[in-house]
PDB file of N, CA and C in Angstrom:
ATOM      1  N   UNK A   1     -32.872 -65.729  25.725  1.00  0.00           N
ATOM      2  CA  UNK A   1     -34.364 -65.878  26.948  1.00  0.00           C
ATOM      3  C   UNK A   1     -34.972 -66.591  27.156  1.00  0.00           C
ATOM      4  N   UNK A   2     -35.417 -67.615  28.324  1.00  0.00           N
ATOM      5  CA  UNK A   2     -37.203 -67.574  28.645  1.00  0.00           C
ATOM      6  C   UNK A   2     -36.844 -66.657  29.834  1.00  0.00           C
ATOM      7  N   UNK A   3     -38.733 -66.844  29.845  1.00  0.00           N
ATOM      8  CA  UNK A   3     -39.250 -65.892  30.606  1.00  0.00           C
ATOM      9  C   UNK A   3     -39.045 -65.968  31.876  1.00  0.00           C
ATOM     10  N   UNK A   4     -38.748 -66.781  32.126  1.00  0.00           N
ATOM     11  CA  UNK A   4     -36.807 -67.818  33.804  1.00  0.00           C
ATOM     12  C   UNK A   4     -36.312 -66.650  33.616  1.00  0.00           C
ATOM     13  N   UNK A   5     -35.571 -66.176  32.348  1.00  0.00           N
ATOM     14  CA  UNK A   5     -34.354 -65.680  32.349  1.00  0.00           C
ATOM     15  C   UNK A   5     -34.555 -64.431  32.780  1.00  0.00           C
ATOM     16  N   UNK A   6     -35.568 -63.690  31.777  1.00  0.00           N
ATOM     17  CA  UNK A   6     -36.333 -62.119  32.108  1.00  0.00           C
ATOM     18  C   UNK A   6     -37.055 -61.659  33.039  1.00  0.00           C
ATOM     19  N   UNK A   7     -37.394 -62.815  34.099  1.00  0.00           N
ATOM     20  CA  UNK A   7     -38.042 -62.675  34.972  1.00  0.00           C
ATOM     21  C   UNK A   7     -36.771 -61.918  35.813  1.00  0.00           C
ATOM     22  N   UNK A   8     -35.799 -62.849  35.732  1.00  0.00           N
ATOM     23  CA  UNK A   8     -33.962 -62.797  36.405  1.00  0.00           C
ATOM     24  C   UNK A   8     -33.828 -61.621  36.372  1.00  0.00           C
ATOM     25  N   UNK A   9     -33.289 -61.504  35.029  1.00  0.00           N
ATOM     26  CA  UNK A   9     -32.900 -59.810  34.225  1.00  0.00           C
ATOM     27  C   UNK A   9     -33.134 -58.837  34.474  1.00  0.00           C
ATOM     28  N   UNK A  10     -35.245 -59.110  34.820  1.00  0.00           N
ATOM     29  CA  UNK A  10     -35.504 -57.205  35.101  1.00  0.00           C
ATOM     30  C   UNK A  10     -36.419 -57.359  36.237  1.00  0.00           C
ATOM     31  N   UNK A  11     -36.272 -58.457  37.661  1.00  0.00           N
ATOM     32  CA  UNK A  11     -36.547 -58.536  38.830  1.00  0.00           C
ATOM     33  C   UNK A  11     -38.372 -58.359  38.618  1.00  0.00           C
ATOM     34  N   UNK A  12     -38.330 -58.311  38.059  1.00  0.00           N
ATOM     35  CA  UNK A  12     -40.162 -58.721  37.620  1.00  0.00           C
ATOM     36  C   UNK A  12     -40.853 -60.274  37.493  1.00  0.00           C
ATOM     37  N   UNK A  13     -41.439 -60.446  38.561  1.00  0.00           N
ATOM     38  CA  UNK A  13     -42.239 -61.829  38.729  1.00  0.00           C
ATOM     39  C   UNK A  13     -42.836 -62.503  37.224  1.00  0.00           C
ATOM     40  N   UNK A  14     -42.375 -63.783  36.789  1.00  0.00           N
ATOM     41  CA  UNK A  14     -42.989 -64.082  35.745  1.00  0.00           C
ATOM     42  C   UNK A  14     -44.669 -64.039  35.569  1.00  0.00           C
ATOM     43  N   UNK A  15     -45.323 -64.519  36.536  1.00  0.00           N
ATOM     44  CA  UNK A  15     -46.381 -63.990  36.579  1.00  0.00           C
ATOM     45  C   UNK A  15     -47.324 -62.575  36.552  1.00  0.00           C
ATOM     46  N   UNK A  16     -46.797 -61.358  36.881  1.00  0.00           N
ATOM     47  CA  UNK A  16     -46.777 -60.255  36.371  1.00  0.00           C
ATOM     48  C   UNK A  16     -46.214 -59.988  35.283  1.00  0.00           C
ATOM     49  N   UNK A  17     -45.143 -60.759  34.518  1.00  0.00           N
ATOM     50  CA  UNK A  17     -44.610 -60.668  32.825  1.00  0.00           C
ATOM     51  C   UNK A  17     -45.930 -61.237  32.421  1.00  0.00           C
ATOM     52  N   UNK A  18     -46.743 -62.197  32.532  1.00  0.00           N
ATOM     53  CA  UNK A  18     -47.423 -62.620  31.732  1.00  0.00           C
ATOM     54  C   UNK A  18     -48.590 -61.659  32.184  1.00  0.00           C
ATOM     55  N   UNK A  19     -48.811 -61.180  32.934  1.00  0.00           N
ATOM     56  CA  UNK A  19     -50.178 -60.388  33.345  1.00  0.00           C
ATOM     57  C   UNK A  19     -49.532 -59.104  32.028  1.00  0.00           C
ATOM     58  N   UNK A  20     -48.597 -58.628  31.798  1.00  0.00           N
ATOM     59  CA  UNK A  20     -47.999 -57.824  31.232  1.00  0.00           C
ATOM     60  C   UNK A  20     -48.189 -57.991  29.852  1.00  0.00           C
ATOM     61  N   UNK A  21     -47.522 -59.275  29.891  1.00  0.00           N
ATOM     62  CA  UNK A  21     -48.212 -59.408  28.330  1.00  0.00           C
ATOM     63  C   UNK A  21     -50.121 -60.246  28.455  1.00  0.00           C
ATOM     64  N   UNK A  22     -50.523 -60.176  28.784  1.00  0.00           N
ATOM     65  CA  UNK A  22     -52.088 -60.267  28.766  1.00  0.00           C
ATOM     66  C   UNK A  22     -52.670 -59.035  27.841  1.00  0.00           C
ATOM     67  N   UNK A  23     -52.157 -57.751  29.266  1.00  0.00           N
ATOM     68  CA  UNK A  23     -52.575 -56.945  29.389  1.00  0.00           C
ATOM     69  C   UNK A  23     -52.303 -55.515  27.671  1.00  0.00           C
ATOM     70  N   UNK A  24     -51.410 -56.430  26.540  1.00  0.00           N
ATOM     71  CA  UNK A  24     -50.542 -55.579  25.754  1.00  0.00           C
ATOM     72  C   UNK A  24     -49.706 -54.702  25.767  1.00  0.00           C
ATOM     73  N   UNK A  25     -49.153 -54.905  27.281  1.00  0.00           N
ATOM     74  CA  UNK A  25     -47.716 -53.792  28.061  1.00  0.00           C
ATOM     75  C   UNK A  25     -47.215 -53.547  27.059  1.00  0.00           C
ATOM     76  N   UNK A  26     -46.412 -55.482  26.986  1.00  0.00           N
ATOM     77  CA  UNK A  26     -45.379 -55.984  26.942  1.00  0.00           C
ATOM     78  C   UNK A  26     -45.902 -56.379  25.101  1.00  0.00           C
ATOM     79  N   UNK A  27     -44.843 -56.449  24.418  1.00  0.00           N
ATOM     80  CA  UNK A  27     -44.674 -57.184  23.061  1.00  0.00           C
ATOM     81  C   UNK A  27     -44.233 -58.975  23.566  1.00  0.00           C
ATOM     82  N   UNK A  28     -44.986 -59.926  22.357  1.00  0.00           N
ATOM     83  CA  UNK A  28     -44.779 -60.775  22.492  1.00  0.00           C
ATOM     84  C   UNK A  28     -43.063 -61.272  22.228  1.00  0.00           C
ATOM     85  N   UNK A  29     -42.354 -62.374  22.684  1.00  0.00           N
ATOM     86  CA  UNK A  29     -41.244 -63.088  22.807  1.00  0.00           C
ATOM     87  C   UNK A  29     -42.072 -63.428  21.159  1.00  0.00           C
ATOM     88  N   UNK A  30     -40.412 -64.157  20.597  1.00  0.00           N
ATOM     89  CA  UNK A  30     -40.670 -64.931  19.352  1.00  0.00           C
ATOM     90  C   UNK A  30     -40.531 -66.291  19.991  1.00  0.00           C
ATOM     91  N   UNK A  31     -42.083 -67.048  19.170  1.00  0.00           N
ATOM     92  CA  UNK A  31     -42.963 -67.930  19.752  1.00  0.00           C
ATOM     93  C   UNK A  31     -41.338 -69.326  18.612  1.00  0.00           C
ATOM     94  N   UNK A  32     -41.226 -70.657  20.157  1.00  0.00           N
ATOM     95  CA  UNK A  32     -40.075 -71.233  19.660  1.00  0.00           C
ATOM     96  C   UNK A  32     -40.657 -72.771  20.318  1.00  0.00           C
ATOM     97  N   UNK A  33     -41.895 -72.592  20.567  1.00  0.00           N
ATOM     98  CA  UNK A  33     -43.281 -73.592  20.234  1.00  0.00           C
ATOM     99  C   UNK A  33     -44.588 -73.463  20.531  1.00  0.00           C
ATOM    100  N   UNK A  34     -45.150 -73.713  20.577  1.00  0.00           N
ATOM    101  CA  UNK A  34     -47.204 -73.095  21.381  1.00  0.00           C
ATOM    102  C   UNK A  34     -47.016 -72.840  22.477  1.00  0.00           C
ATOM    103  N   UNK A  35     -45.907 -72.696  23.404  1.00  0.00           N
ATOM    104  CA  UNK A  35     -46.023 -72.873  24.887  1.00  0.00           C
ATOM    105  C   UNK A  35     -45.018 -72.214  25.374  1.00  0.00           C
ATOM    106  N   UNK A  36     -43.964 -71.501  24.737  1.00  0.00           N
ATOM    107  CA  UNK A  36     -43.081 -70.951  24.910  1.00  0.00           C
ATOM    108  C   UNK A  36     -41.860 -69.655  24.376  1.00  0.00           C
ATOM    109  N   UNK A  37     -41.658 -68.999  24.297  1.00  0.00           N
ATOM    110  CA  UNK A  37     -41.401 -67.868  23.387  1.00  0.00           C
ATOM    111  C   UNK A  37     -39.882 -67.973  24.022  1.00  0.00           C
ATOM    112  N   UNK A  38     -38.678 -67.248  23.037  1.00  0.00           N
ATOM    113  CA  UNK A  38     -37.532 -66.209  24.013  1.00  0.00           C
ATOM    114  C   UNK A  38     -37.708 -64.672  23.559  1.00  0.00           C
ATOM    115  N   UNK A  39     -36.792 -64.249  25.164  1.00  0.00           N
ATOM    116  CA  UNK A  39     -37.180 -62.538  25.158  1.00  0.00           C
ATOM    117  C   UNK A  39     -35.415 -62.498  24.957  1.00  0.00           C
ATOM    118  N   UNK A  40     -35.736 -60.546  24.504  1.00  0.00           N
ATOM    119  CA  UNK A  40     -34.096 -60.488  24.054  1.00  0.00           C
ATOM    120  C   UNK A  40     -34.000 -59.115  25.430  1.00  0.00           C
ATOM    121  N   UNK A  41     -32.924 -58.501  25.270  1.00  0.00           N
ATOM    122  CA  UNK A  41     -32.611 -57.273  26.006  1.00  0.00           C
ATOM    123  C   UNK A  41     -33.742 -55.102  25.765  1.00  0.00           C
ATOM    124  N   UNK A  42     -34.540 -56.042  24.807  1.00  0.00           N
ATOM    125  CA  UNK A  42     -36.336 -55.321  24.536  1.00  0.00           C
ATOM    126  C   UNK A  42     -37.229 -55.421  26.052  1.00  0.00           C
ATOM    127  N   UNK A  43     -37.220 -56.633  25.621  1.00  0.00           N
ATOM    128  CA  UNK A  43     -38.224 -56.927  27.345  1.00  0.00           C
ATOM    129  C   UNK A  43     -37.657 -56.262  28.535  1.00  0.00           C
ATOM    130  N   UNK A  44     -36.291 -56.088  28.296  1.00  0.00           N
ATOM    131  CA  UNK A  44     -36.220 -55.716  29.923  1.00  0.00           C
ATOM    132  C   UNK A  44     -36.593 -54.687  30.269  1.00  0.00           C
ATOM    133  N   UNK A  45     -36.029 -53.913  29.179  1.00  0.00           N
ATOM    134  CA  UNK A  45     -35.792 -52.497  28.862  1.00  0.00           C
ATOM    135  C   UNK A  45     -37.610 -52.388  28.815  1.00  0.00           C
ATOM    136  N   UNK A  46     -38.389 -52.699  28.393  1.00  0.00           N
ATOM    137  CA  UNK A  46     -39.550 -52.584  28.356  1.00  0.00           C
ATOM    138  C   UNK A  46     -40.210 -52.727  29.676  1.00  0.00           C
ATOM    139  N   UNK A  47     -39.504 -53.344  30.604  1.00  0.00           N
ATOM    140  CA  UNK A  47     -40.089 -53.959  32.148  1.00  0.00           C
ATOM    141  C   UNK A  47     -40.001 -52.931  32.571  1.00  0.00           C
ATOM    142  N   UNK A  48     -38.500 -52.558  32.553  1.00  0.00           N
ATOM    143  CA  UNK A  48     -38.296 -51.630  33.405  1.00  0.00           C
ATOM    144  C   UNK A  48     -39.103 -50.171  33.226  1.00  0.00           C
ATOM    145  N   UNK A  49     -39.532 -50.012  32.270  1.00  0.00           N
ATOM    146  CA  UNK A  49     -40.322 -48.522  31.980  1.00  0.00           C
ATOM    147  C   UNK A  49     -42.123 -48.449  32.036  1.00  0.00           C
ATOM    148  N   UNK A  50     -41.880 -50.111  32.206  1.00  0.00           N
ATOM    149  CA  UNK A  50     -43.227 -50.609  32.408  1.00  0.00           C
ATOM    150  C   UNK A  50     -43.513 -50.430  34.042  1.00  0.00           C
ATOM    151  N   UNK A  51     -42.349 -50.645  34.772  1.00  0.00           N
ATOM    152  CA  UNK A  51     -42.412 -51.052  36.172  1.00  0.00           C
ATOM    153  C   UNK A  51     -42.049 -48.863  36.239  1.00  0.00           C
ATOM    154  N   UNK A  52     -41.335 -48.508  35.747  1.00  0.00           N
ATOM    155  CA  UNK A  52     -41.279 -47.539  36.627  1.00  0.00           C
ATOM    156  C   UNK A  52     -42.542 -46.378  36.469  1.00  0.00           C
ATOM    157  N   UNK A  53     -43.478 -46.495  35.638  1.00  0.00           N
ATOM    158  CA  UNK A  53     -44.308 -46.415  35.299  1.00  0.00           C
ATOM    159  C   UNK A  53     -45.672 -46.468  36.645  1.00  0.00           C
ATOM    160  N   UNK A  54     -45.711 -47.694  36.597  1.00  0.00           N
ATOM    161  CA  UNK A  54     -46.482 -48.254  37.484  1.00  0.00           C
ATOM    162  C   UNK A  54     -46.224 -47.772  38.492  1.00  0.00           C
ATOM    163  N   UNK A  55     -44.965 -47.541  39.138  1.00  0.00           N
ATOM    164  CA  UNK A  55     -44.309 -48.030  40.186  1.00  0.00           C
ATOM    165  C   UNK A  55     -44.032 -45.957  40.654  1.00  0.00           C
ATOM    166  N   UNK A  56     -42.840 -46.073  40.029  1.00  0.00           N
ATOM    167  CA  UNK A  56     -42.811 -44.761  41.394  1.00  0.00           C
ATOM    168  C   UNK A  56     -43.508 -43.191  40.431  1.00  0.00           C
ATOM    169  N   UNK A  57     -43.893 -44.070  39.749  1.00  0.00           N
ATOM    170  CA  UNK A  57     -44.727 -42.391  39.169  1.00  0.00           C
ATOM    171  C   UNK A  57     -46.216 -43.041  39.451  1.00  0.00           C
ATOM    172  N   UNK A  58     -46.185 -44.055  39.705  1.00  0.00           N
ATOM    173  CA  UNK A  58     -47.345 -44.413  40.040  1.00  0.00           C
ATOM    174  C   UNK A  58     -49.230 -44.526  39.546  1.00  0.00           C
ATOM    175  N   UNK A  59     -48.513 -44.705  37.949  1.00  0.00           N
ATOM    176  CA  UNK A  59     -50.156 -44.605  36.948  1.00  0.00           C
ATOM    177  C   UNK A  59     -50.545 -46.555  37.601  1.00  0.00           C
ATOM    178  N   UNK A  60     -52.216 -46.141  36.743  1.00  0.00           N
ATOM    179  CA  UNK A  60     -52.278 -47.172  36.766  1.00  0.00           C
ATOM    180  C   UNK A  60     -52.167 -48.212  34.970  1.00  0.00           C
ATOM    181  N   UNK A  61     -52.725 -49.055  35.280  1.00  0.00           N
ATOM    182  CA  UNK A  61     -51.959 -50.098  33.905  1.00  0.00           C
ATOM    183  C   UNK A  61     -52.442 -49.397  32.435  1.00  0.00           C
ATOM    184  N   UNK A  62     -53.730 -48.862  32.761  1.00  0.00           N
ATOM    185  CA  UNK A  62     -54.637 -48.407  31.744  1.00  0.00           C
ATOM    186  C   UNK A  62     -53.668 -46.861  30.968  1.00  0.00           C
ATOM    187  N   UNK A  63     -53.290 -45.620  32.222  1.00  0.00           N
ATOM    188  CA  UNK A  63     -52.323 -45.182  32.091  1.00  0.00           C
ATOM    189  C   UNK A  63     -51.133 -45.329  31.575  1.00  0.00           C
ATOM    190  N   UNK A  64     -50.430 -46.393  32.088  1.00  0.00           N
ATOM    191  CA  UNK A  64     -49.359 -46.134  31.414  1.00  0.00           C
ATOM    192  C   UNK A  64     -49.351 -47.029  29.943  1.00  0.00           C
ATOM    193  N   UNK A  65     -50.423 -47.895  29.742  1.00  0.00           N
ATOM    194  CA  UNK A  65     -50.856 -48.451  28.043  1.00  0.00           C
ATOM    195  C   UNK A  65     -50.771 -47.506  27.846  1.00  0.00           C
ATOM    196  N   UNK A  66     -51.336 -45.971  27.870  1.00  0.00           N
ATOM    197  CA  UNK A  66     -51.200 -44.510  27.181  1.00  0.00           C
ATOM    198  C   UNK A  66     -49.603 -43.777  26.669  1.00  0.00           C
ATOM    199  N   UNK A  67     -49.635 -44.146  28.045  1.00  0.00           N
ATOM    200  CA  UNK A  67     -47.997 -43.623  27.768  1.00  0.00           C
ATOM    201  C   UNK A  67     -47.108 -43.941  26.599  1.00  0.00           C
ATOM    202  N   UNK A  68     -47.440 -45.821  26.760  1.00  0.00           N
ATOM    203  CA  UNK A  68     -46.467 -46.744  26.003  1.00  0.00           C
ATOM    204  C   UNK A  68     -46.720 -46.129  24.471  1.00  0.00           C
ATOM    205  N   UNK A  69     -47.987 -46.331  24.663  1.00  0.00           N
ATOM    206  CA  UNK A  69     -48.578 -46.473  23.084  1.00  0.00           C
ATOM    207  C   UNK A  69     -48.080 -45.280  22.450  1.00  0.00           C
ATOM    208  N   UNK A  70     -48.192 -44.064  23.343  1.00  0.00           N
ATOM    209  CA  UNK A  70     -47.389 -42.440  22.477  1.00  0.00           C
ATOM    210  C   UNK A  70     -45.856 -42.987  22.418  1.00  0.00           C
ATOM    211  N   UNK A  71     -45.290 -43.709  23.394  1.00  0.00           N
ATOM    212  CA  UNK A  71     -44.142 -43.554  23.085  1.00  0.00           C
ATOM    213  C   UNK A  71     -43.482 -44.359  21.736  1.00  0.00           C
ATOM    214  N   UNK A  72     -44.453 -45.688  22.038  1.00  0.00           N
ATOM    215  CA  UNK A  72     -44.284 -46.301  20.539  1.00  0.00           C
ATOM    216  C   UNK A  72     -45.034 -46.322  19.044  1.00  0.00           C
ATOM    217  N   UNK A  73     -45.255 -44.950  19.374  1.00  0.00           N
ATOM    218  CA  UNK A  73     -45.423 -44.538  17.731  1.00  0.00           C
ATOM    219  C   UNK A  73     -46.339 -43.177  18.117  1.00  0.00           C
ATOM    220  N   UNK A  74     -45.406 -42.458  18.385  1.00  0.00           N
ATOM    221  CA  UNK A  74     -45.906 -40.760  18.869  1.00  0.00           C
ATOM    222  C   UNK A  74     -46.113 -39.801  17.751  1.00  0.00           C
ATOM    223  N   UNK A  75     -46.448 -40.961  16.211  1.00  0.00           N
ATOM    224  CA  UNK A  75     -47.363 -39.818  15.590  1.00  0.00           C
ATOM    225  C   UNK A  75     -46.444 -38.319  14.564  1.00  0.00           C
ATOM    226  N   UNK A  76     -47.001 -37.875  13.920  1.00  0.00           N
ATOM    227  CA  UNK A  76     -45.956 -36.537  12.928  1.00  0.00           C
ATOM    228  C   UNK A  76     -46.371 -35.941  14.178  1.00  0.00           C
ATOM    229  N   UNK A  77     -47.169 -35.461  15.196  1.00  0.00           N
ATOM    230  CA  UNK A  77     -46.289 -33.995  16.085  1.00  0.00           C
ATOM    231  C   UNK A  77     -45.676 -34.263  17.426  1.00  0.00           C
ATOM    232  N   UNK A  78     -44.804 -34.318  17.539  1.00  0.00           N
ATOM    233  CA  UNK A  78     -44.060 -34.871  18.517  1.00  0.00           C
ATOM    234  C   UNK A  78     -45.022 -34.180  19.762  1.00  0.00           C
ATOM    235  N   UNK A  79     -45.161 -32.801  19.758  1.00  0.00           N
ATOM    236  CA  UNK A  79     -45.124 -32.208  20.804  1.00  0.00           C
ATOM    237  C   UNK A  79     -46.642 -32.708  21.225  1.00  0.00           C
ATOM    238  N   UNK A  80     -47.819 -33.018  19.912  1.00  0.00           N
ATOM    239  CA  UNK A  80     -48.944 -33.111  20.498  1.00  0.00           C
ATOM    240  C   UNK A  80     -49.306 -34.195  21.469  1.00  0.00           C
ATOM    241  N   UNK A  81     -48.214 -35.033  21.288  1.00  0.00           N
ATOM    242  CA  UNK A  81     -48.053 -36.459  21.687  1.00  0.00           C
ATOM    243  C   UNK A  81     -47.479 -36.219  23.300  1.00  0.00           C
ATOM    244  N   UNK A  82     -46.053 -34.951  23.150  1.00  0.00           N
ATOM    245  CA  UNK A  82     -46.090 -35.215  24.864  1.00  0.00           C
ATOM    246  C   UNK A  82     -46.825 -34.135  25.052  1.00  0.00           C
ATOM    247  N   UNK A  83     -48.290 -33.104  24.936  1.00  0.00           N
ATOM    248  CA  UNK A  83     -49.491 -33.444  25.744  1.00  0.00           C
ATOM    249  C   UNK A  83     -49.942 -34.568  26.293  1.00  0.00           C
ATOM    250  N   UNK A  84     -50.340 -34.865  24.987  1.00  0.00           N
ATOM    251  CA  UNK A  84     -51.343 -36.276  25.546  1.00  0.00           C
ATOM    252  C   UNK A  84     -50.556 -37.238  26.583  1.00  0.00           C
ATOM    253  N   UNK A  85     -49.686 -37.258  26.135  1.00  0.00           N
ATOM    254  CA  UNK A  85     -48.550 -38.275  27.717  1.00  0.00           C
ATOM    255  C   UNK A  85     -48.620 -37.446  28.772  1.00  0.00           C
ATOM    256  N   UNK A  86     -48.241 -35.959  28.692  1.00  0.00           N
ATOM    257  CA  UNK A  86     -48.282 -35.095  29.844  1.00  0.00           C
ATOM    258  C   UNK A  86     -50.097 -34.975  30.848  1.00  0.00           C
ATOM    259  N   UNK A  87     -50.822 -35.135  29.991  1.00  0.00           N
ATOM    260  CA  UNK A  87     -52.296 -35.425  30.261  1.00  0.00           C
ATOM    261  C   UNK A  87     -52.795 -36.514  31.326  1.00  0.00           C
ATOM    262  N   UNK A  88     -51.715 -37.885  30.206  1.00  0.00           N
ATOM    263  CA  UNK A  88     -52.584 -39.552  31.207  1.00  0.00           C
ATOM    264  C   UNK A  88     -51.699 -39.356  32.532  1.00  0.00           C
ATOM    265  N   UNK A  89     -50.799 -38.075  32.835  1.00  0.00           N
ATOM    266  CA  UNK A  89     -50.400 -38.535  34.273  1.00  0.00           C
ATOM    267  C   UNK A  89     -51.521 -38.040  35.265  1.00  0.00           C
ATOM    268  N   UNK A  90     -50.941 -38.881  36.644  1.00  0.00           N
ATOM    269  CA  UNK A  90     -51.669 -38.373  37.646  1.00  0.00           C
ATOM    270  C   UNK A  90     -50.960 -37.054  37.883  1.00  0.00           C
ATOM    271  N   UNK A  91     -52.180 -35.988  39.056  1.00  0.00           N
ATOM    272  CA  UNK A  91     -51.898 -35.079  38.768  1.00  0.00           C
ATOM    273  C   UNK A  91     -50.507 -34.587  40.135  1.00  0.00           C
ATOM    274  N   UNK A  92     -49.532 -33.656  40.309  1.00  0.00           N
ATOM    275  CA  UNK A  92     -48.636 -33.892  40.705  1.00  0.00           C
ATOM    276  C   UNK A  92     -49.133 -33.478  42.397  1.00  0.00           C
ATOM    277  N   UNK A  93     -48.132 -33.594  43.298  1.00  0.00           N
ATOM    278  CA  UNK A  93     -48.530 -33.490  44.726  1.00  0.00           C
ATOM    279  C   UNK A  93     -47.677 -33.055  45.239  1.00  0.00           C
ATOM    280  N   UNK A  94     -47.612 -32.576  46.609  1.00  0.00           N
ATOM    281  CA  UNK A  94     -46.614 -31.078  47.341  1.00  0.00           C
ATOM    282  C   UNK A  94     -45.858 -32.127  48.006  1.00  0.00           C
ATOM    283  N   UNK A  95     -45.226 -32.000  47.862  1.00  0.00           N
ATOM    284  CA  UNK A  95     -43.997 -32.984  48.629  1.00  0.00           C
ATOM    285  C   UNK A  95     -44.370 -33.246  50.424  1.00  0.00           C
ATOM    286  N   UNK A  96     -44.173 -33.854  50.707  1.00  0.00           N
ATOM    287  CA  UNK A  96     -44.619 -34.003  52.316  1.00  0.00           C
ATOM    288  C   UNK A  96     -43.374 -32.824  53.490  1.00  0.00           C
ATOM    289  N   UNK A  97     -43.675 -32.484  54.761  1.00  0.00           N
ATOM    290  CA  UNK A  97     -43.265 -31.621  54.928  1.00  0.00           C
ATOM    291  C   UNK A  97     -41.734 -31.852  55.889  1.00  0.00           C
TER     292      UNK A  97
END
């Protein structure tokens, strides 16, 4: 699918997708020409993860990048990677009464 189809499938605006591509949060699509690319379901899933991290969880782009890096390459020590991921999360807040 092209970027407009990716936007429709994910519910994320084209401008936001381009921002995520520039920031390295979303992996590039397969280039079909100098200015166009195709995207697949892995891009839709990644966009949903990015939106979950930056939306309800409330992470900054930098914090989301840290989490996504750990998701992409957890390394040999999964527990240490999980610890770093938890450390990148903002402090928990008490629910409103």
